[in-house]
Amino acid sequence: MTLTHAKLGASVFLLALVTHLNSLGGGFHYDDAHSIVENHHLRSLANVPAYFLDPATFSSETAMAMYRPLVQTSYALTYGLAGYIAWPYLLFNVLLHGLVAVLVYLLIEQKTGWALSAWWAGALFAVHPMHSQVANYISSRSESLAALFSLLSMALYIRARESASSMVYIASVVVFATALLAKSMAIVLPLVLLFRDCSTGGLSLQRIKASGKYIVPFGLVATVYVIVVRQALATALVDRPVRGLWVQILTQCKVLVYYLKLLLVPWGQNVEHQFALAKGWELSVLCALGFLVSMGWCLMLLWRRSPRLFFNFTWPIVFLLPTFVVPLNVLLNEHRLYIPAVGFAMLLGWLLTTRFSRWQGLFLLAGLLLSYGALSLQRSMVWQTPETLWADALQKAPRMPRPHLFIGDVYRGQGRTEEALAAYQRALTVNPEILS
């Protein structure tokens, strides 16, 4: 790494730090209660080996078991240093986000050789308001940890392919395995690497076959991972699915379009977006499918004309693929856009530095940087307390039950019993099928 790279990387890190530093005034929210505050497994570092063997140690509630041992280890280390003081946990999240933003810059510069486009992409990723949840919500640390090791694995993979170094290649596979220990969404990385190889040498059957031998070890690691955690996965997919697979797929078609809108125009952010399950072939589903089919057709046109653009466009979609088949409780969540936003940043940085004049691109990028940064600062203020967070959610999503439930918990904690009971009653009546 040259001195110039170090300076540009440091500026991206500082930009992420400054943008999200006001999140340190926040506290524990939402799933932080059962996974951190009430989880006695985190209160002794002697329990760390158990995190890698027993998914039940992830939470104080058995039904919330997940296999994220790397995340748990980071919680236990933070608890050992600070107990239940919230700001060290949040500082860890902010610093981690800064490191991911630097990796975004370095990875794009490594892939393209365009330092200016890479810096703008890293800067836009650093300040994007969709990442305010990752900075302010401690439990979303799993997203940034998985992103950090996924991007690092990809950077090592690219270096190994360019230098023909077997040691660097082995390191990339090991780092990929580490990413899986943070969150299962990293499992799609082998597919991303395949697209990356094809984007540099042309999208052809021969190229896919040539890259296959390098991708197979990643696929084997992913297979072993699925086998190891199959019991935890079966709970979500087979034993007690939140919703049927067909309803899940149709709903996620709408969600994917909404995600793309949030990446480009991050307005109306919420901890609980007002979003309804798909009820068959309704108009909203048909419109979403029409948009996705059109987008798919455009991607096919890019297949041979511009492999690099094809890669940038498909990155967010590939990393969102697991949400199509895994029926999670929350239909959509802003932190799920964290690593997909890397592709968005790559595309935007490239577009505005290569398809506009120097001053036009600079003006547009600076405007985006300032507006995204201002929205991030504003969003962190909403996350300061449970009352401000859930009052904001209730205002924006009055037909969703969780804002009523959590604002009811706030009222109960303040001794406002009647208001709490009224909030709980509204949760039962506003949308009872989501609670069932």
Protein backbone atom coordinates (compact mmCIF):
# COMPACT_ATOMS: atom_id res chain seq x y z
CA MET A 1 0.00 0.00 0.00
CA THR A 2 1.40 3.39 -0.99
CA LEU A 3 1.36 6.54 1.14
CA THR A 4 -1.39 7.95 -1.10
CA HIS A 5 -3.55 4.88 -0.52
CA ALA A 6 -2.99 5.17 3.23
CA LYS A 7 -4.01 8.84 3.24
CA LEU A 8 -7.11 8.25 1.14
CA GLY A 9 -8.08 5.25 3.28
CA ALA A 10 -7.59 7.26 6.47
CA SER A 11 -9.81 10.05 5.11
CA VAL A 12 -12.60 7.56 4.38
CA PHE A 13 -12.26 6.14 7.92
CA LEU A 14 -12.43 9.62 9.49
CA LEU A 15 -15.45 10.48 7.37
CA ALA A 16 -17.29 7.41 8.68
CA LEU A 17 -16.24 8.23 12.23
CA VAL A 18 -17.35 11.88 12.12
CA THR A 19 -20.66 11.04 10.46
CA HIS A 20 -21.70 8.42 13.01
CA LEU A 21 -19.93 9.57 16.17
CA ASN A 22 -23.12 11.06 17.62
CA SER A 23 -24.49 7.52 17.85
CA LEU A 24 -22.42 7.07 21.03
CA GLY A 25 -25.19 8.80 22.98
CA GLY A 26 -27.56 5.91 22.29
CA GLY A 27 -28.20 2.72 24.20
CA PHE A 28 -29.44 -0.86 23.94
CA HIS A 29 -32.43 -1.40 21.62
CA TYR A 30 -34.75 -4.12 20.39
CA ASP A 31 -32.92 -7.51 20.19
CA ASP A 32 -30.06 -6.13 22.30
CA ALA A 33 -32.17 -7.03 25.34
CA HIS A 34 -32.21 -10.81 24.87
CA SER A 35 -28.90 -11.14 22.99
CA ILE A 36 -26.76 -8.88 25.22
CA VAL A 37 -28.32 -7.39 28.36
CA GLU A 38 -30.18 -10.51 29.55
CA ASN A 39 -27.75 -13.04 28.07
CA HIS A 40 -25.75 -14.48 30.98
CA HIS A 41 -23.55 -16.46 28.57
CA LEU A 42 -21.69 -13.23 27.71
CA ARG A 43 -20.66 -12.48 31.28
CA SER A 44 -17.63 -14.76 31.32
CA LEU A 45 -14.91 -15.18 28.69
CA ALA A 46 -14.72 -18.82 29.79
CA ASN A 47 -17.93 -19.34 27.78
CA VAL A 48 -16.31 -18.31 24.46
CA PRO A 49 -15.68 -21.92 23.29
CA ALA A 50 -19.37 -22.69 23.86
CA TYR A 51 -20.35 -19.96 21.36
CA PHE A 52 -18.80 -22.07 18.59
CA LEU A 53 -20.60 -25.24 19.67
CA ASP A 54 -24.04 -24.23 20.94
CA PRO A 55 -26.29 -21.73 19.07
CA ALA A 56 -28.49 -21.50 22.19
CA THR A 57 -25.80 -19.36 23.86
CA PHE A 58 -26.64 -16.55 21.43
CA SER A 59 -29.65 -15.44 23.46
CA SER A 60 -31.37 -15.64 26.82
CA GLU A 61 -34.37 -17.01 24.89
CA THR A 62 -34.08 -20.50 23.43
CA ALA A 63 -36.31 -19.62 20.46
CA MET A 64 -33.83 -16.91 19.43
CA ALA A 65 -30.88 -19.29 18.98
CA MET A 66 -28.50 -18.35 16.16
CA TYR A 67 -25.02 -19.40 15.13
CA ARG A 68 -22.96 -16.20 15.26
CA PRO A 69 -20.00 -17.08 17.52
CA LEU A 70 -17.77 -14.26 16.27
CA VAL A 71 -20.42 -11.69 17.17
CA GLN A 72 -20.90 -13.24 20.60
CA THR A 73 -17.16 -13.19 21.23
CA SER A 74 -17.07 -9.47 20.44
CA TYR A 75 -19.96 -8.91 22.87
CA ALA A 76 -18.19 -10.87 25.61
CA LEU A 77 -14.97 -8.91 25.14
CA THR A 78 -16.85 -5.61 25.28
CA TYR A 79 -18.73 -6.75 28.38
CA GLY A 80 -15.44 -7.69 30.02
CA LEU A 81 -14.20 -4.15 29.44
CA ALA A 82 -17.34 -2.08 30.06
CA GLY A 83 -20.12 -4.22 31.49
CA TYR A 84 -23.44 -2.79 30.38
CA ILE A 85 -22.28 0.73 29.55
CA ALA A 86 -23.67 1.20 26.06
CA TRP A 87 -21.22 3.61 24.41
CA PRO A 88 -18.26 1.16 24.16
CA TYR A 89 -20.50 -1.28 22.27
CA LEU A 90 -21.59 1.52 19.96
CA LEU A 91 -18.01 2.77 19.51
CA PHE A 92 -17.05 -0.75 18.41
CA ASN A 93 -19.83 -0.59 15.81
CA VAL A 94 -18.72 2.80 14.51
CA LEU A 95 -15.05 1.82 14.28
CA LEU A 96 -16.03 -1.41 12.56
CA HIS A 97 -18.08 0.53 10.02
CA GLY A 98 -15.11 2.80 9.38
CA LEU A 99 -12.90 -0.23 8.66
CA VAL A 100 -15.48 -1.65 6.26
CA ALA A 101 -15.65 1.70 4.42
CA VAL A 102 -11.85 1.68 4.06
CA LEU A 103 -12.01 -1.86 2.66
CA VAL A 104 -14.64 -0.72 0.17
CA TYR A 105 -12.25 1.97 -1.07
CA LEU A 106 -9.24 -0.39 -1.21
CA LEU A 107 -11.18 -3.20 -2.87
CA ILE A 108 -12.57 -0.99 -5.63
CA GLU A 109 -9.18 0.64 -6.22
CA GLN A 110 -7.61 -2.81 -6.37
CA LYS A 111 -10.25 -4.03 -8.81
CA THR A 112 -10.36 -1.01 -11.12
CA GLY A 113 -7.18 0.98 -10.55
CA TRP A 114 -9.29 4.16 -10.48
CA ALA A 115 -8.32 5.87 -7.23
CA LEU A 116 -10.79 8.76 -7.59
CA SER A 117 -13.82 6.55 -8.28
CA ALA A 118 -12.77 4.23 -5.45
CA TRP A 119 -12.43 7.09 -2.96
CA TRP A 120 -15.84 8.49 -3.78
CA ALA A 121 -17.39 5.03 -3.53
CA GLY A 122 -15.78 4.49 -0.11
CA ALA A 123 -16.85 7.96 1.04
CA LEU A 124 -20.44 7.47 -0.10
CA PHE A 125 -20.54 4.10 1.65
CA ALA A 126 -19.09 5.68 4.82
CA VAL A 127 -21.81 8.33 5.12
CA HIS A 128 -24.81 6.58 3.58
CA PRO A 129 -27.79 7.01 5.94
CA MET A 130 -28.88 3.39 5.47
CA HIS A 131 -25.85 2.47 7.57
CA SER A 132 -27.02 4.50 10.54
CA GLN A 133 -28.76 1.37 11.83
CA VAL A 134 -25.48 -0.56 11.77
CA ALA A 135 -23.83 2.23 13.76
CA ASN A 136 -26.66 2.78 16.26
CA TYR A 137 -28.10 -0.72 16.72
CA ILE A 138 -25.60 -2.92 18.53
CA SER A 139 -27.12 -6.21 17.37
CA SER A 140 -26.59 -5.26 13.73
CA ARG A 141 -22.86 -5.67 14.39
CA SER A 142 -23.26 -9.09 12.78
CA GLU A 143 -23.85 -7.33 9.47
CA SER A 144 -20.69 -5.23 9.56
CA LEU A 145 -18.51 -8.08 10.88
CA ALA A 146 -19.69 -10.37 8.08
CA ALA A 147 -19.14 -7.55 5.57
CA LEU A 148 -15.62 -6.86 6.88
CA PHE A 149 -14.46 -10.45 6.46
CA SER A 150 -16.35 -10.98 3.19
CA LEU A 151 -14.66 -7.95 1.63
CA LEU A 152 -11.29 -8.94 3.06
CA SER A 153 -11.72 -12.45 1.66
CA MET A 154 -12.54 -10.99 -1.74
CA ALA A 155 -9.52 -8.66 -1.66
CA LEU A 156 -7.24 -11.60 -0.80
CA TYR A 157 -8.85 -13.69 -3.53
CA ILE A 158 -8.16 -11.01 -6.14
CA ARG A 159 -4.57 -10.68 -4.94
CA ALA A 160 -4.13 -14.47 -5.03
CA ARG A 161 -5.44 -14.71 -8.59
CA GLU A 162 -3.17 -11.89 -9.74
CA SER A 163 -0.03 -13.14 -7.97
CA ALA A 164 -0.72 -16.90 -8.26
CA SER A 165 0.04 -17.17 -4.54
CA SER A 166 -1.36 -20.33 -2.93
CA MET A 167 -0.83 -18.96 0.60
CA VAL A 168 -2.85 -15.82 -0.11
CA TYR A 169 -5.54 -17.98 -1.72
CA ILE A 170 -5.75 -20.22 1.36
CA ALA A 171 -5.97 -17.09 3.52
CA SER A 172 -8.93 -15.87 1.46
CA VAL A 173 -10.78 -19.16 2.04
CA VAL A 174 -10.06 -19.04 5.79
CA VAL A 175 -11.28 -15.43 6.01
CA PHE A 176 -14.46 -16.45 4.17
CA ALA A 177 -15.05 -19.11 6.83
CA THR A 178 -14.58 -16.40 9.46
CA ALA A 179 -17.23 -14.25 7.75
CA LEU A 180 -19.70 -17.14 8.09
CA LEU A 181 -19.03 -17.16 11.83
CA ALA A 182 -20.43 -13.63 11.96
CA LYS A 183 -23.55 -14.08 9.83
CA SER A 184 -24.85 -16.62 7.35
CA MET A 185 -25.51 -14.02 4.62
CA ALA A 186 -21.80 -14.31 3.71
CA ILE A 187 -22.64 -17.69 2.18
CA VAL A 188 -23.29 -16.06 -1.22
CA LEU A 189 -19.69 -14.83 -1.52
CA PRO A 190 -18.61 -17.73 -3.81
CA LEU A 191 -21.26 -16.64 -6.32
CA VAL A 192 -20.02 -13.03 -6.08
CA LEU A 193 -16.45 -14.20 -6.70
CA LEU A 194 -17.61 -16.11 -9.76
CA PHE A 195 -19.30 -12.98 -11.11
CA ARG A 196 -16.14 -11.02 -10.35
CA ASP A 197 -13.99 -13.42 -12.37
CA CYS A 198 -16.41 -13.26 -15.27
CA SER A 199 -16.52 -9.46 -15.13
CA THR A 200 -12.76 -9.27 -15.67
CA GLY A 201 -12.39 -11.89 -18.37
CA GLY A 202 -15.74 -11.90 -20.13
CA LEU A 203 -18.97 -13.70 -19.33
CA SER A 204 -18.70 -17.04 -21.09
CA LEU A 205 -19.14 -20.71 -20.31
CA GLN A 206 -15.41 -21.24 -20.74
CA ARG A 207 -14.62 -18.48 -18.27
CA ILE A 208 -17.05 -19.93 -15.73
CA LYS A 209 -15.41 -23.36 -16.05
CA ALA A 210 -11.94 -21.83 -15.69
CA SER A 211 -12.96 -20.00 -12.51
CA GLY A 212 -14.75 -23.01 -11.08
CA LYS A 213 -11.65 -24.68 -9.68
CA TYR A 214 -10.91 -21.56 -7.63
CA ILE A 215 -14.50 -21.24 -6.40
CA VAL A 216 -15.00 -24.90 -5.40
CA PRO A 217 -13.11 -24.63 -2.05
CA PHE A 218 -15.33 -21.70 -1.08
CA GLY A 219 -18.35 -23.79 -1.98
CA LEU A 220 -17.08 -26.66 0.17
CA VAL A 221 -16.64 -24.32 3.14
CA ALA A 222 -20.20 -23.04 2.62
CA THR A 223 -21.50 -26.63 2.45
CA VAL A 224 -19.74 -27.60 5.68
CA TYR A 225 -21.15 -24.48 7.33
CA VAL A 226 -24.71 -25.41 6.34
CA ILE A 227 -24.22 -28.95 7.66
CA VAL A 228 -22.82 -27.70 10.97
CA VAL A 229 -25.65 -25.23 11.61
CA ARG A 230 -28.44 -27.26 9.97
CA GLN A 231 -30.40 -27.53 13.21
CA ALA A 232 -30.53 -23.76 13.65
CA LEU A 233 -31.48 -23.32 10.00
CA ALA A 234 -34.19 -25.97 10.20
CA THR A 235 -35.97 -23.97 12.88
CA ALA A 236 -36.47 -21.06 10.50
CA LEU A 237 -37.00 -23.02 7.29
CA VAL A 238 -38.84 -26.19 8.25
CA ASP A 239 -39.97 -26.61 11.84
CA ARG A 240 -41.59 -23.24 12.52
CA PRO A 241 -41.56 -21.12 9.35
CA VAL A 242 -42.85 -17.61 9.90
CA ARG A 243 -44.68 -17.73 6.55
CA GLY A 244 -45.05 -19.98 3.53
CA LEU A 245 -42.31 -20.04 0.90
CA TRP A 246 -44.57 -18.74 -1.89
CA VAL A 247 -45.80 -15.81 0.19
CA GLN A 248 -42.18 -15.14 1.20
CA ILE A 249 -40.98 -15.00 -2.41
CA LEU A 250 -43.81 -12.75 -3.63
CA THR A 251 -43.37 -10.43 -0.67
CA GLN A 252 -39.61 -10.21 -1.15
CA CYS A 253 -40.14 -9.21 -4.78
CA LYS A 254 -41.82 -6.07 -3.45
CA VAL A 255 -39.17 -5.69 -0.75
CA LEU A 256 -36.31 -5.87 -3.26
CA VAL A 257 -37.73 -2.97 -5.27
CA TYR A 258 -38.21 -1.02 -2.04
CA TYR A 259 -34.61 -1.77 -1.02
CA LEU A 260 -33.33 -0.39 -4.32
CA LYS A 261 -35.35 2.77 -3.73
CA LEU A 262 -33.88 3.16 -0.22
CA LEU A 263 -30.34 2.81 -1.54
CA LEU A 264 -30.80 5.61 -4.04
CA VAL A 265 -33.25 7.80 -2.08
CA PRO A 266 -32.83 6.99 1.64
CA TRP A 267 -35.89 8.94 2.74
CA GLY A 268 -38.42 7.66 5.26
CA GLN A 269 -36.02 5.46 7.22
CA ASN A 270 -37.58 3.49 10.03
CA VAL A 271 -36.73 0.73 12.45
CA GLU A 272 -40.04 -0.88 11.38
CA HIS A 273 -41.17 -0.02 7.87
CA GLN A 274 -44.87 -0.21 7.12
CA PHE A 275 -44.95 -3.12 4.72
CA ALA A 276 -47.61 -5.75 4.08
CA LEU A 277 -47.33 -9.40 3.16
CA ALA A 278 -48.16 -10.24 -0.44
CA LYS A 279 -51.67 -11.59 -0.85
CA GLY A 280 -51.33 -13.47 -4.11
CA TRP A 281 -50.94 -11.78 -7.49
CA GLU A 282 -51.95 -8.32 -6.33
CA LEU A 283 -51.13 -5.17 -8.27
CA SER A 284 -48.11 -4.25 -6.15
CA VAL A 285 -46.60 -7.71 -6.70
CA LEU A 286 -47.22 -7.55 -10.45
CA CYS A 287 -45.62 -4.10 -10.65
CA ALA A 288 -42.60 -5.28 -8.64
CA LEU A 289 -42.22 -8.36 -10.82
CA GLY A 290 -42.51 -6.22 -13.95
CA PHE A 291 -39.76 -3.95 -12.71
CA LEU A 292 -37.51 -6.88 -11.75
CA VAL A 293 -38.05 -8.64 -15.08
CA SER A 294 -37.19 -5.41 -16.90
CA MET A 295 -34.11 -5.02 -14.76
CA GLY A 296 -33.15 -8.62 -15.46
CA TRP A 297 -33.46 -7.99 -19.19
CA CYS A 298 -31.19 -4.96 -18.92
CA LEU A 299 -28.66 -7.07 -17.01
CA MET A 300 -28.72 -9.63 -19.80
CA LEU A 301 -27.85 -6.86 -22.25
CA LEU A 302 -24.92 -5.92 -20.01
CA TRP A 303 -23.76 -9.56 -19.94
CA ARG A 304 -21.43 -9.08 -22.91
CA ARG A 305 -21.38 -5.32 -23.45
CA SER A 306 -20.05 -4.27 -20.03
CA PRO A 307 -19.12 -7.10 -17.62
CA ARG A 308 -17.92 -4.59 -15.01
CA LEU A 309 -21.30 -2.85 -14.93
CA PHE A 310 -23.00 -6.24 -14.81
CA PHE A 311 -20.97 -7.08 -11.70
CA ASN A 312 -21.81 -3.78 -9.99
CA PHE A 313 -25.52 -4.18 -10.67
CA THR A 314 -25.71 -7.82 -9.59
CA TRP A 315 -23.73 -7.38 -6.35
CA PRO A 316 -26.70 -6.01 -4.31
CA ILE A 317 -29.10 -8.57 -5.76
CA VAL A 318 -26.85 -11.56 -5.03
CA PHE A 319 -26.32 -10.53 -1.41
CA LEU A 320 -30.08 -10.14 -0.95
CA LEU A 321 -30.88 -13.58 -2.41
CA PRO A 322 -30.96 -15.38 1.00
CA THR A 323 -33.82 -13.13 2.14
CA PHE A 324 -35.97 -14.55 -0.68
CA VAL A 325 -36.04 -18.04 0.82
CA VAL A 326 -35.42 -17.48 4.56
CA PRO A 327 -38.67 -16.29 6.18
CA LEU A 328 -37.50 -13.92 8.92
CA ASN A 329 -39.86 -12.25 11.39
CA VAL A 330 -39.21 -8.74 10.11
CA LEU A 331 -40.17 -8.43 6.44
CA LEU A 332 -37.47 -5.87 5.65
CA ASN A 333 -34.68 -4.38 7.67
CA GLU A 334 -32.36 -1.53 6.82
CA HIS A 335 -29.21 -3.25 8.06
CA ARG A 336 -29.72 -5.99 5.43
CA LEU A 337 -28.69 -3.40 2.87
CA TYR A 338 -25.25 -2.98 4.41
CA ILE A 339 -23.10 -5.16 2.16
CA PRO A 340 -25.41 -4.80 -0.89
CA ALA A 341 -24.69 -1.06 -0.64
CA VAL A 342 -21.08 -1.79 -1.62
CA GLY A 343 -22.23 -2.54 -5.17
CA PHE A 344 -24.36 0.59 -5.17
CA ALA A 345 -21.37 2.68 -4.04
CA MET A 346 -19.15 1.11 -6.72
CA LEU A 347 -21.70 1.87 -9.41
CA LEU A 348 -22.38 5.43 -8.28
CA GLY A 349 -18.70 6.29 -7.83
CA TRP A 350 -17.87 4.94 -11.29
CA LEU A 351 -20.86 6.60 -12.96
CA LEU A 352 -20.30 10.10 -11.59
CA THR A 353 -16.54 10.14 -12.18
CA THR A 354 -16.52 8.65 -15.68
CA ARG A 355 -19.80 9.68 -17.32
CA PHE A 356 -19.81 13.35 -16.30
CA SER A 357 -17.32 16.14 -16.72
CA ARG A 358 -14.88 16.62 -13.88
CA TRP A 359 -16.75 19.54 -12.32
CA GLN A 360 -20.22 18.09 -12.92
CA GLY A 361 -19.22 14.82 -11.25
CA LEU A 362 -17.56 16.64 -8.37
CA PHE A 363 -20.64 18.81 -7.80
CA LEU A 364 -23.02 15.84 -7.85
CA LEU A 365 -20.84 13.67 -5.63
CA ALA A 366 -20.26 16.47 -3.10
CA GLY A 367 -24.00 17.11 -2.99
CA LEU A 368 -24.70 13.43 -2.34
CA LEU A 369 -21.99 13.27 0.30
CA LEU A 370 -23.36 16.26 2.19
CA SER A 371 -27.01 15.22 1.95
CA TYR A 372 -26.32 11.59 2.90
CA GLY A 373 -24.13 12.72 5.79
CA ALA A 374 -26.80 15.13 7.07
CA LEU A 375 -29.45 12.39 6.94
CA SER A 376 -27.14 10.02 8.84
CA LEU A 377 -26.58 12.58 11.61
CA GLN A 378 -30.31 13.19 11.82
CA ARG A 379 -31.09 9.49 11.94
CA SER A 380 -28.64 8.92 14.81
CA MET A 381 -30.59 11.45 16.85
CA VAL A 382 -33.70 9.29 16.46
CA TRP A 383 -31.79 6.29 17.87
CA GLN A 384 -30.78 8.13 21.07
CA THR A 385 -33.49 6.59 23.30
CA PRO A 386 -36.12 3.84 22.96
CA GLU A 387 -38.81 6.51 23.27
CA THR A 388 -37.52 8.62 20.36
CA LEU A 389 -36.90 5.50 18.25
CA TRP A 390 -40.33 3.91 18.68
CA ALA A 391 -42.23 7.20 18.65
CA ASP A 392 -40.66 7.84 15.24
CA ALA A 393 -41.56 4.30 14.13
CA LEU A 394 -45.14 4.71 15.32
CA GLN A 395 -45.54 7.97 13.41
CA LYS A 396 -44.29 6.40 10.17
CA ALA A 397 -45.78 2.92 10.53
CA PRO A 398 -49.00 3.13 12.57
CA ARG A 399 -50.40 -0.07 11.06
CA MET A 400 -47.46 -2.23 12.21
CA PRO A 401 -47.77 -3.91 15.64
CA ARG A 402 -44.18 -3.69 16.88
CA PRO A 403 -44.06 0.11 17.26
CA HIS A 404 -47.16 -0.11 19.48
CA LEU A 405 -45.62 -2.95 21.50
CA PHE A 406 -42.29 -1.24 22.06
CA ILE A 407 -43.73 2.18 22.81
CA GLY A 408 -45.94 0.34 25.28
CA ASP A 409 -42.80 -1.05 26.92
CA VAL A 410 -41.43 2.50 27.12
CA TYR A 411 -44.61 3.74 28.81
CA ARG A 412 -44.60 0.81 31.21
CA GLY A 413 -41.00 1.55 32.20
CA GLN A 414 -42.00 5.16 32.88
CA GLY A 415 -44.89 4.08 35.09
CA ARG A 416 -47.50 5.26 32.54
CA THR A 417 -49.59 2.13 32.97
CA GLU A 418 -52.78 3.22 31.24
CA GLU A 419 -50.93 4.47 28.17
CA ALA A 420 -48.95 1.23 28.07
CA LEU A 421 -52.09 -0.90 28.18
CA ALA A 422 -53.65 1.21 25.42
CA ALA A 423 -50.55 0.74 23.27
CA TYR A 424 -50.61 -3.04 23.80
CA GLN A 425 -54.28 -3.14 22.88
CA ARG A 426 -53.61 -1.25 19.66
CA ALA A 427 -50.86 -3.77 18.84
CA LEU A 428 -53.40 -6.58 19.14
CA THR A 429 -55.96 -4.89 16.93
CA VAL A 430 -53.96 -2.97 14.33
CA ASN A 431 -52.56 -6.02 12.52
CA PRO A 432 -53.13 -9.23 14.50
CA GLU A 433 -52.00 -11.67 11.79
CA ILE A 434 -48.42 -10.36 11.99
CA LEU A 435 -48.36 -11.18 15.70
CA SER A 436 -49.69 -14.69 15.19
